[in-house]
Amino acid sequence: MTNPPLPIGDEVDTRPAARPSRTRLEGQHVALVPFGVADHARDLFDLSAGSENEGLFAYLAQGPFADMAAFEQYYAAAATKDDPLLFAIVETGSGRAVGHATFMRITPADRVVEVGNILYTPALQRTIGATEAMYLMARHAFEDLGYRRYEWKCNALNAPSRRAALRLGFTFEGIFRQHMIIKAHNRDTAWFSMLDHEWPHAKAAFEAWLDPLNFGPDGRQIRPLESLRA
């Protein structure tokens, strides 16, 4: 009597995804551009410095920074790395850098990539551009580069980041306990993902939300992103 075959996963295309490169991702409200200290550091430092903004760095591995020299020193090194690959988020009208984000933990063979190390200054928070930036990165990962899994991870105590992940269409997968030590503190990590077959539905919701007709004369949204996806 032969044993029945053991269950294994579905067969998949084994061709690797492309690695993210230093390219420009253009939107209506913001663009993501390769981070350059000369172009972006002063704007970001000015928008994130001061005791009132220390919370911006509470869950990041870097910062807050005592002065511009320390800020430049960190970001000069960060801008040279290929993983994490750092992008400045700039306003399309002014060209002012108002935030940054990275593609990180890039695994082309498994077609998995993470969006992380996200810094949104007050000038970017709760704007249309804040959502558009995440749409541009997800679209690039799935449609241009060919990834099958797009990840979002954050400190499990970071409630705003966890809410943002769910709002953007990521699925919560669980908590990795005692996952990291950040700035001499324990970090339990909340894991979220979006898969390639889920992207078309998420994309349609993003584009419906970003449509100018979804905003009233006062600039406030008419339909939330979650309701458009539902």
Protein backbone atom coordinates (compact mmCIF):
# COMPACT_ATOMS: atom_id res chain seq x y z
CA MET A 1 0.00 0.00 0.00
CA THR A 2 1.51 3.33 -1.05
CA ASN A 3 1.29 6.41 1.10
CA PRO A 4 -0.80 9.28 -0.29
CA PRO A 5 1.24 12.26 -1.49
CA LEU A 6 1.89 14.94 1.07
CA PRO A 7 0.16 18.28 0.50
CA ILE A 8 2.40 21.02 -0.88
CA GLY A 9 1.79 24.54 -2.08
CA ASP A 10 0.53 25.52 -5.50
CA GLU A 11 3.10 25.48 -8.27
CA VAL A 12 4.26 29.01 -9.14
CA ASP A 13 6.35 30.77 -11.74
CA THR A 14 9.92 30.76 -10.42
CA ARG A 15 11.17 33.71 -12.42
CA PRO A 16 12.51 36.32 -9.98
CA ALA A 17 11.10 39.80 -9.64
CA ALA A 18 13.17 42.81 -10.64
CA ARG A 19 15.06 44.66 -7.94
CA PRO A 20 13.78 48.17 -7.23
CA SER A 21 16.07 50.81 -8.69
CA ARG A 22 16.59 54.51 -8.23
CA THR A 23 13.72 55.67 -10.39
CA ARG A 24 11.07 58.38 -10.14
CA LEU A 25 7.46 57.49 -9.35
CA GLU A 26 5.25 60.36 -10.43
CA GLY A 27 1.84 61.17 -8.99
CA GLN A 28 -0.56 64.10 -9.14
CA HIS A 29 0.20 65.33 -5.62
CA VAL A 30 3.56 63.81 -4.78
CA ALA A 31 6.46 62.05 -6.45
CA LEU A 32 8.86 59.52 -4.99
CA VAL A 33 12.42 60.24 -6.04
CA PRO A 34 15.79 58.74 -5.10
CA PHE A 35 16.87 60.39 -1.86
CA GLY A 36 19.66 62.92 -2.20
CA VAL A 37 21.08 64.72 0.81
CA ALA A 38 21.76 67.91 -1.15
CA ASP A 39 18.21 67.96 -2.50
CA HIS A 40 16.12 66.71 0.41
CA ALA A 41 17.89 66.75 3.77
CA ARG A 42 17.31 70.41 4.63
CA ASP A 43 13.58 70.23 3.91
CA LEU A 44 13.12 67.07 5.92
CA PHE A 45 15.20 68.25 8.83
CA ASP A 46 13.32 71.53 9.06
CA LEU A 47 9.96 69.72 8.95
CA SER A 48 10.90 67.03 11.49
CA ALA A 49 13.16 68.86 13.96
CA GLY A 50 12.13 70.14 17.38
CA SER A 51 10.74 68.61 20.53
CA GLU A 52 7.21 68.82 19.13
CA ASN A 53 8.21 66.33 16.39
CA GLU A 54 10.16 63.80 18.44
CA GLY A 55 7.21 61.41 18.17
CA LEU A 56 7.88 61.08 14.44
CA PHE A 57 10.93 58.98 15.28
CA ALA A 58 9.49 57.03 18.23
CA TYR A 59 9.12 53.82 16.22
CA LEU A 60 11.95 54.33 13.71
CA ALA A 61 15.43 52.88 14.15
CA GLN A 62 16.95 56.33 13.61
CA GLY A 63 16.46 59.76 15.13
CA PRO A 64 15.50 62.14 16.50
CA PHE A 65 18.53 64.16 15.47
CA ALA A 66 20.17 66.84 17.57
CA ASP A 67 21.12 69.02 14.62
CA MET A 68 21.42 69.22 10.85
CA ALA A 69 24.93 67.76 10.88
CA ALA A 70 23.75 64.56 12.59
CA PHE A 71 20.78 64.37 10.23
CA GLU A 72 22.98 64.71 7.16
CA GLN A 73 25.49 62.17 8.43
CA TYR A 74 22.82 59.50 8.88
CA TYR A 75 21.02 60.14 5.61
CA ALA A 76 24.19 60.46 3.53
CA ALA A 77 24.94 56.84 4.43
CA ALA A 78 21.32 55.69 4.11
CA ALA A 79 21.02 57.16 0.60
CA THR A 80 23.84 54.94 -0.69
CA LYS A 81 22.20 51.65 0.28
CA ASP A 82 20.34 49.39 -2.14
CA ASP A 83 18.37 47.67 0.65
CA PRO A 84 16.71 49.59 2.19
CA LEU A 85 16.34 51.70 -0.96
CA LEU A 86 15.44 55.19 0.19
CA PHE A 87 13.05 57.53 -1.62
CA ALA A 88 12.14 61.09 -0.73
CA ILE A 89 8.46 61.99 -0.99
CA VAL A 90 8.29 65.43 -2.61
CA GLU A 91 5.38 67.74 -3.34
CA THR A 92 4.82 67.95 -7.09
CA GLY A 93 4.23 71.69 -7.09
CA SER A 94 6.99 72.94 -4.79
CA GLY A 95 9.46 70.07 -5.01
CA ARG A 96 9.73 70.24 -1.23
CA ALA A 97 10.62 66.96 0.51
CA VAL A 98 7.89 66.19 3.05
CA GLY A 99 8.65 62.56 3.90
CA HIS A 100 10.48 59.41 2.95
CA ALA A 101 9.89 55.68 2.50
CA THR A 102 11.91 52.66 1.43
CA PHE A 103 11.67 49.39 -0.36
CA MET A 104 13.40 46.96 2.01
CA ARG A 105 14.01 43.29 2.76
CA ILE A 106 14.01 42.84 -0.98
CA THR A 107 13.86 39.17 -1.99
CA PRO A 108 13.53 38.90 -5.78
CA ALA A 109 13.75 35.08 -5.87
CA ASP A 110 10.63 34.76 -3.72
CA ARG A 111 9.13 37.93 -5.21
CA VAL A 112 8.68 39.50 -1.76
CA VAL A 113 9.37 43.12 -0.86
CA GLU A 114 8.50 45.32 2.10
CA VAL A 115 7.60 49.00 2.29
CA GLY A 116 9.04 50.50 5.44
CA ASN A 117 11.11 53.14 7.24
CA ILE A 118 8.29 55.55 6.52
CA LEU A 119 8.59 59.11 7.78
CA TYR A 120 5.64 61.42 7.23
CA THR A 121 6.25 64.96 8.48
CA PRO A 122 3.27 67.07 9.60
CA ALA A 123 3.29 68.68 6.12
CA LEU A 124 2.46 65.29 4.59
CA GLN A 125 0.28 63.69 7.24
CA ARG A 126 -3.45 63.41 6.45
CA THR A 127 -3.02 64.76 2.93
CA ILE A 128 -4.05 63.22 -0.39
CA GLY A 129 -0.35 62.88 -1.16
CA ALA A 130 0.17 60.70 1.90
CA THR A 131 -2.13 58.04 0.46
CA GLU A 132 -0.94 58.59 -3.10
CA ALA A 133 2.66 57.87 -2.09
CA MET A 134 1.70 54.41 -0.82
CA TYR A 135 -0.37 53.76 -3.95
CA LEU A 136 2.59 54.65 -6.18
CA MET A 137 4.94 52.31 -4.33
CA ALA A 138 2.50 49.40 -4.30
CA ARG A 139 1.71 49.82 -7.98
CA HIS A 140 5.40 49.89 -8.83
CA ALA A 141 6.10 46.76 -6.78
CA PHE A 142 3.30 44.70 -8.31
CA GLU A 143 3.01 46.00 -11.86
CA ASP A 144 6.51 47.15 -12.82
CA LEU A 145 8.71 44.87 -10.75
CA GLY A 146 6.58 41.72 -10.56
CA TYR A 147 6.39 41.02 -6.82
CA ARG A 148 3.81 38.58 -5.49
CA ARG A 149 3.89 39.62 -1.84
CA TYR A 150 4.12 43.18 -0.53
CA GLU A 151 4.75 43.52 3.21
CA TRP A 152 4.16 46.11 5.90
CA LYS A 153 5.68 45.62 9.35
CA CYS A 154 5.61 47.88 12.37
CA ASN A 155 6.09 47.94 16.09
CA ALA A 156 3.06 46.20 17.55
CA LEU A 157 2.59 49.20 19.86
CA ASN A 158 2.42 51.60 16.91
CA ALA A 159 -1.35 51.94 16.67
CA PRO A 160 -1.35 54.61 13.92
CA SER A 161 0.82 52.44 11.66
CA ARG A 162 -1.38 49.42 12.23
CA ARG A 163 -4.48 51.45 11.38
CA ALA A 164 -2.76 52.79 8.26
CA ALA A 165 -1.89 49.29 7.06
CA LEU A 166 -5.50 48.15 7.34
CA ARG A 167 -6.81 51.33 5.73
CA LEU A 168 -4.46 50.86 2.77
CA GLY A 169 -5.66 47.29 2.19
CA PHE A 170 -3.03 45.15 3.91
CA THR A 171 -4.09 42.01 5.79
CA PHE A 172 -2.96 41.52 9.39
CA GLU A 173 -1.05 38.26 9.78
CA GLY A 174 0.03 38.23 13.43
CA ILE A 175 2.64 39.34 15.96
CA PHE A 176 6.27 38.24 15.99
CA ARG A 177 7.11 38.43 19.70
CA GLN A 178 10.48 39.81 20.82
CA HIS A 179 11.33 40.22 17.16
CA MET A 180 13.84 43.08 17.43
CA ILE A 181 15.71 45.37 19.80
CA ILE A 182 15.34 49.01 18.72
CA LYS A 183 17.06 51.81 20.62
CA ALA A 184 17.56 49.43 23.59
CA HIS A 185 13.83 48.60 23.76
CA ASN A 186 12.00 45.39 22.91
CA ARG A 187 9.96 45.39 19.72
CA ASP A 188 7.17 42.95 19.06
CA THR A 189 6.39 43.28 15.35
CA ALA A 190 2.97 43.32 13.70
CA TRP A 191 3.05 41.77 10.22
CA PHE A 192 0.76 42.74 7.34
CA SER A 193 0.76 41.76 3.68
CA MET A 194 -0.89 42.41 0.35
CA LEU A 195 -0.71 39.74 -2.38
CA ASP A 196 -0.54 40.09 -6.14
CA HIS A 197 -4.02 38.66 -6.70
CA GLU A 198 -5.40 41.17 -4.18
CA TRP A 199 -3.77 44.14 -5.86
CA PRO A 200 -6.32 44.75 -8.66
CA HIS A 201 -9.10 45.24 -6.11
CA ALA A 202 -6.91 47.42 -3.89
CA LYS A 203 -5.76 49.42 -6.93
CA ALA A 204 -9.33 50.14 -8.02
CA ALA A 205 -10.14 51.46 -4.55
CA PHE A 206 -7.01 53.61 -4.46
CA GLU A 207 -7.80 55.15 -7.84
CA ALA A 208 -11.45 55.77 -6.94
CA TRP A 209 -10.35 57.45 -3.71
CA LEU A 210 -7.72 59.57 -5.48
CA ASP A 211 -10.22 60.73 -8.12
CA PRO A 212 -10.80 64.49 -7.69
CA LEU A 213 -14.55 63.79 -7.70
CA ASN A 214 -14.09 62.04 -4.35
CA PHE A 215 -13.27 65.36 -2.68
CA GLY A 216 -15.58 68.23 -1.89
CA PRO A 217 -14.87 71.95 -2.35
CA ASP A 218 -13.29 71.98 1.12
CA GLY A 219 -10.86 69.23 0.10
CA ARG A 220 -12.39 66.64 2.40
CA GLN A 221 -12.97 63.11 1.18
CA ILE A 222 -16.48 62.05 0.28
CA ARG A 223 -15.97 58.29 0.56
CA PRO A 224 -13.27 56.71 2.76
CA LEU A 225 -10.79 54.36 1.17
CA GLU A 226 -12.04 51.41 3.23
CA SER A 227 -15.61 51.83 1.97
CA LEU A 228 -14.46 51.96 -1.65
CA ARG A 229 -12.55 48.73 -1.17
CA ALA A 230 -15.50 47.08 0.58
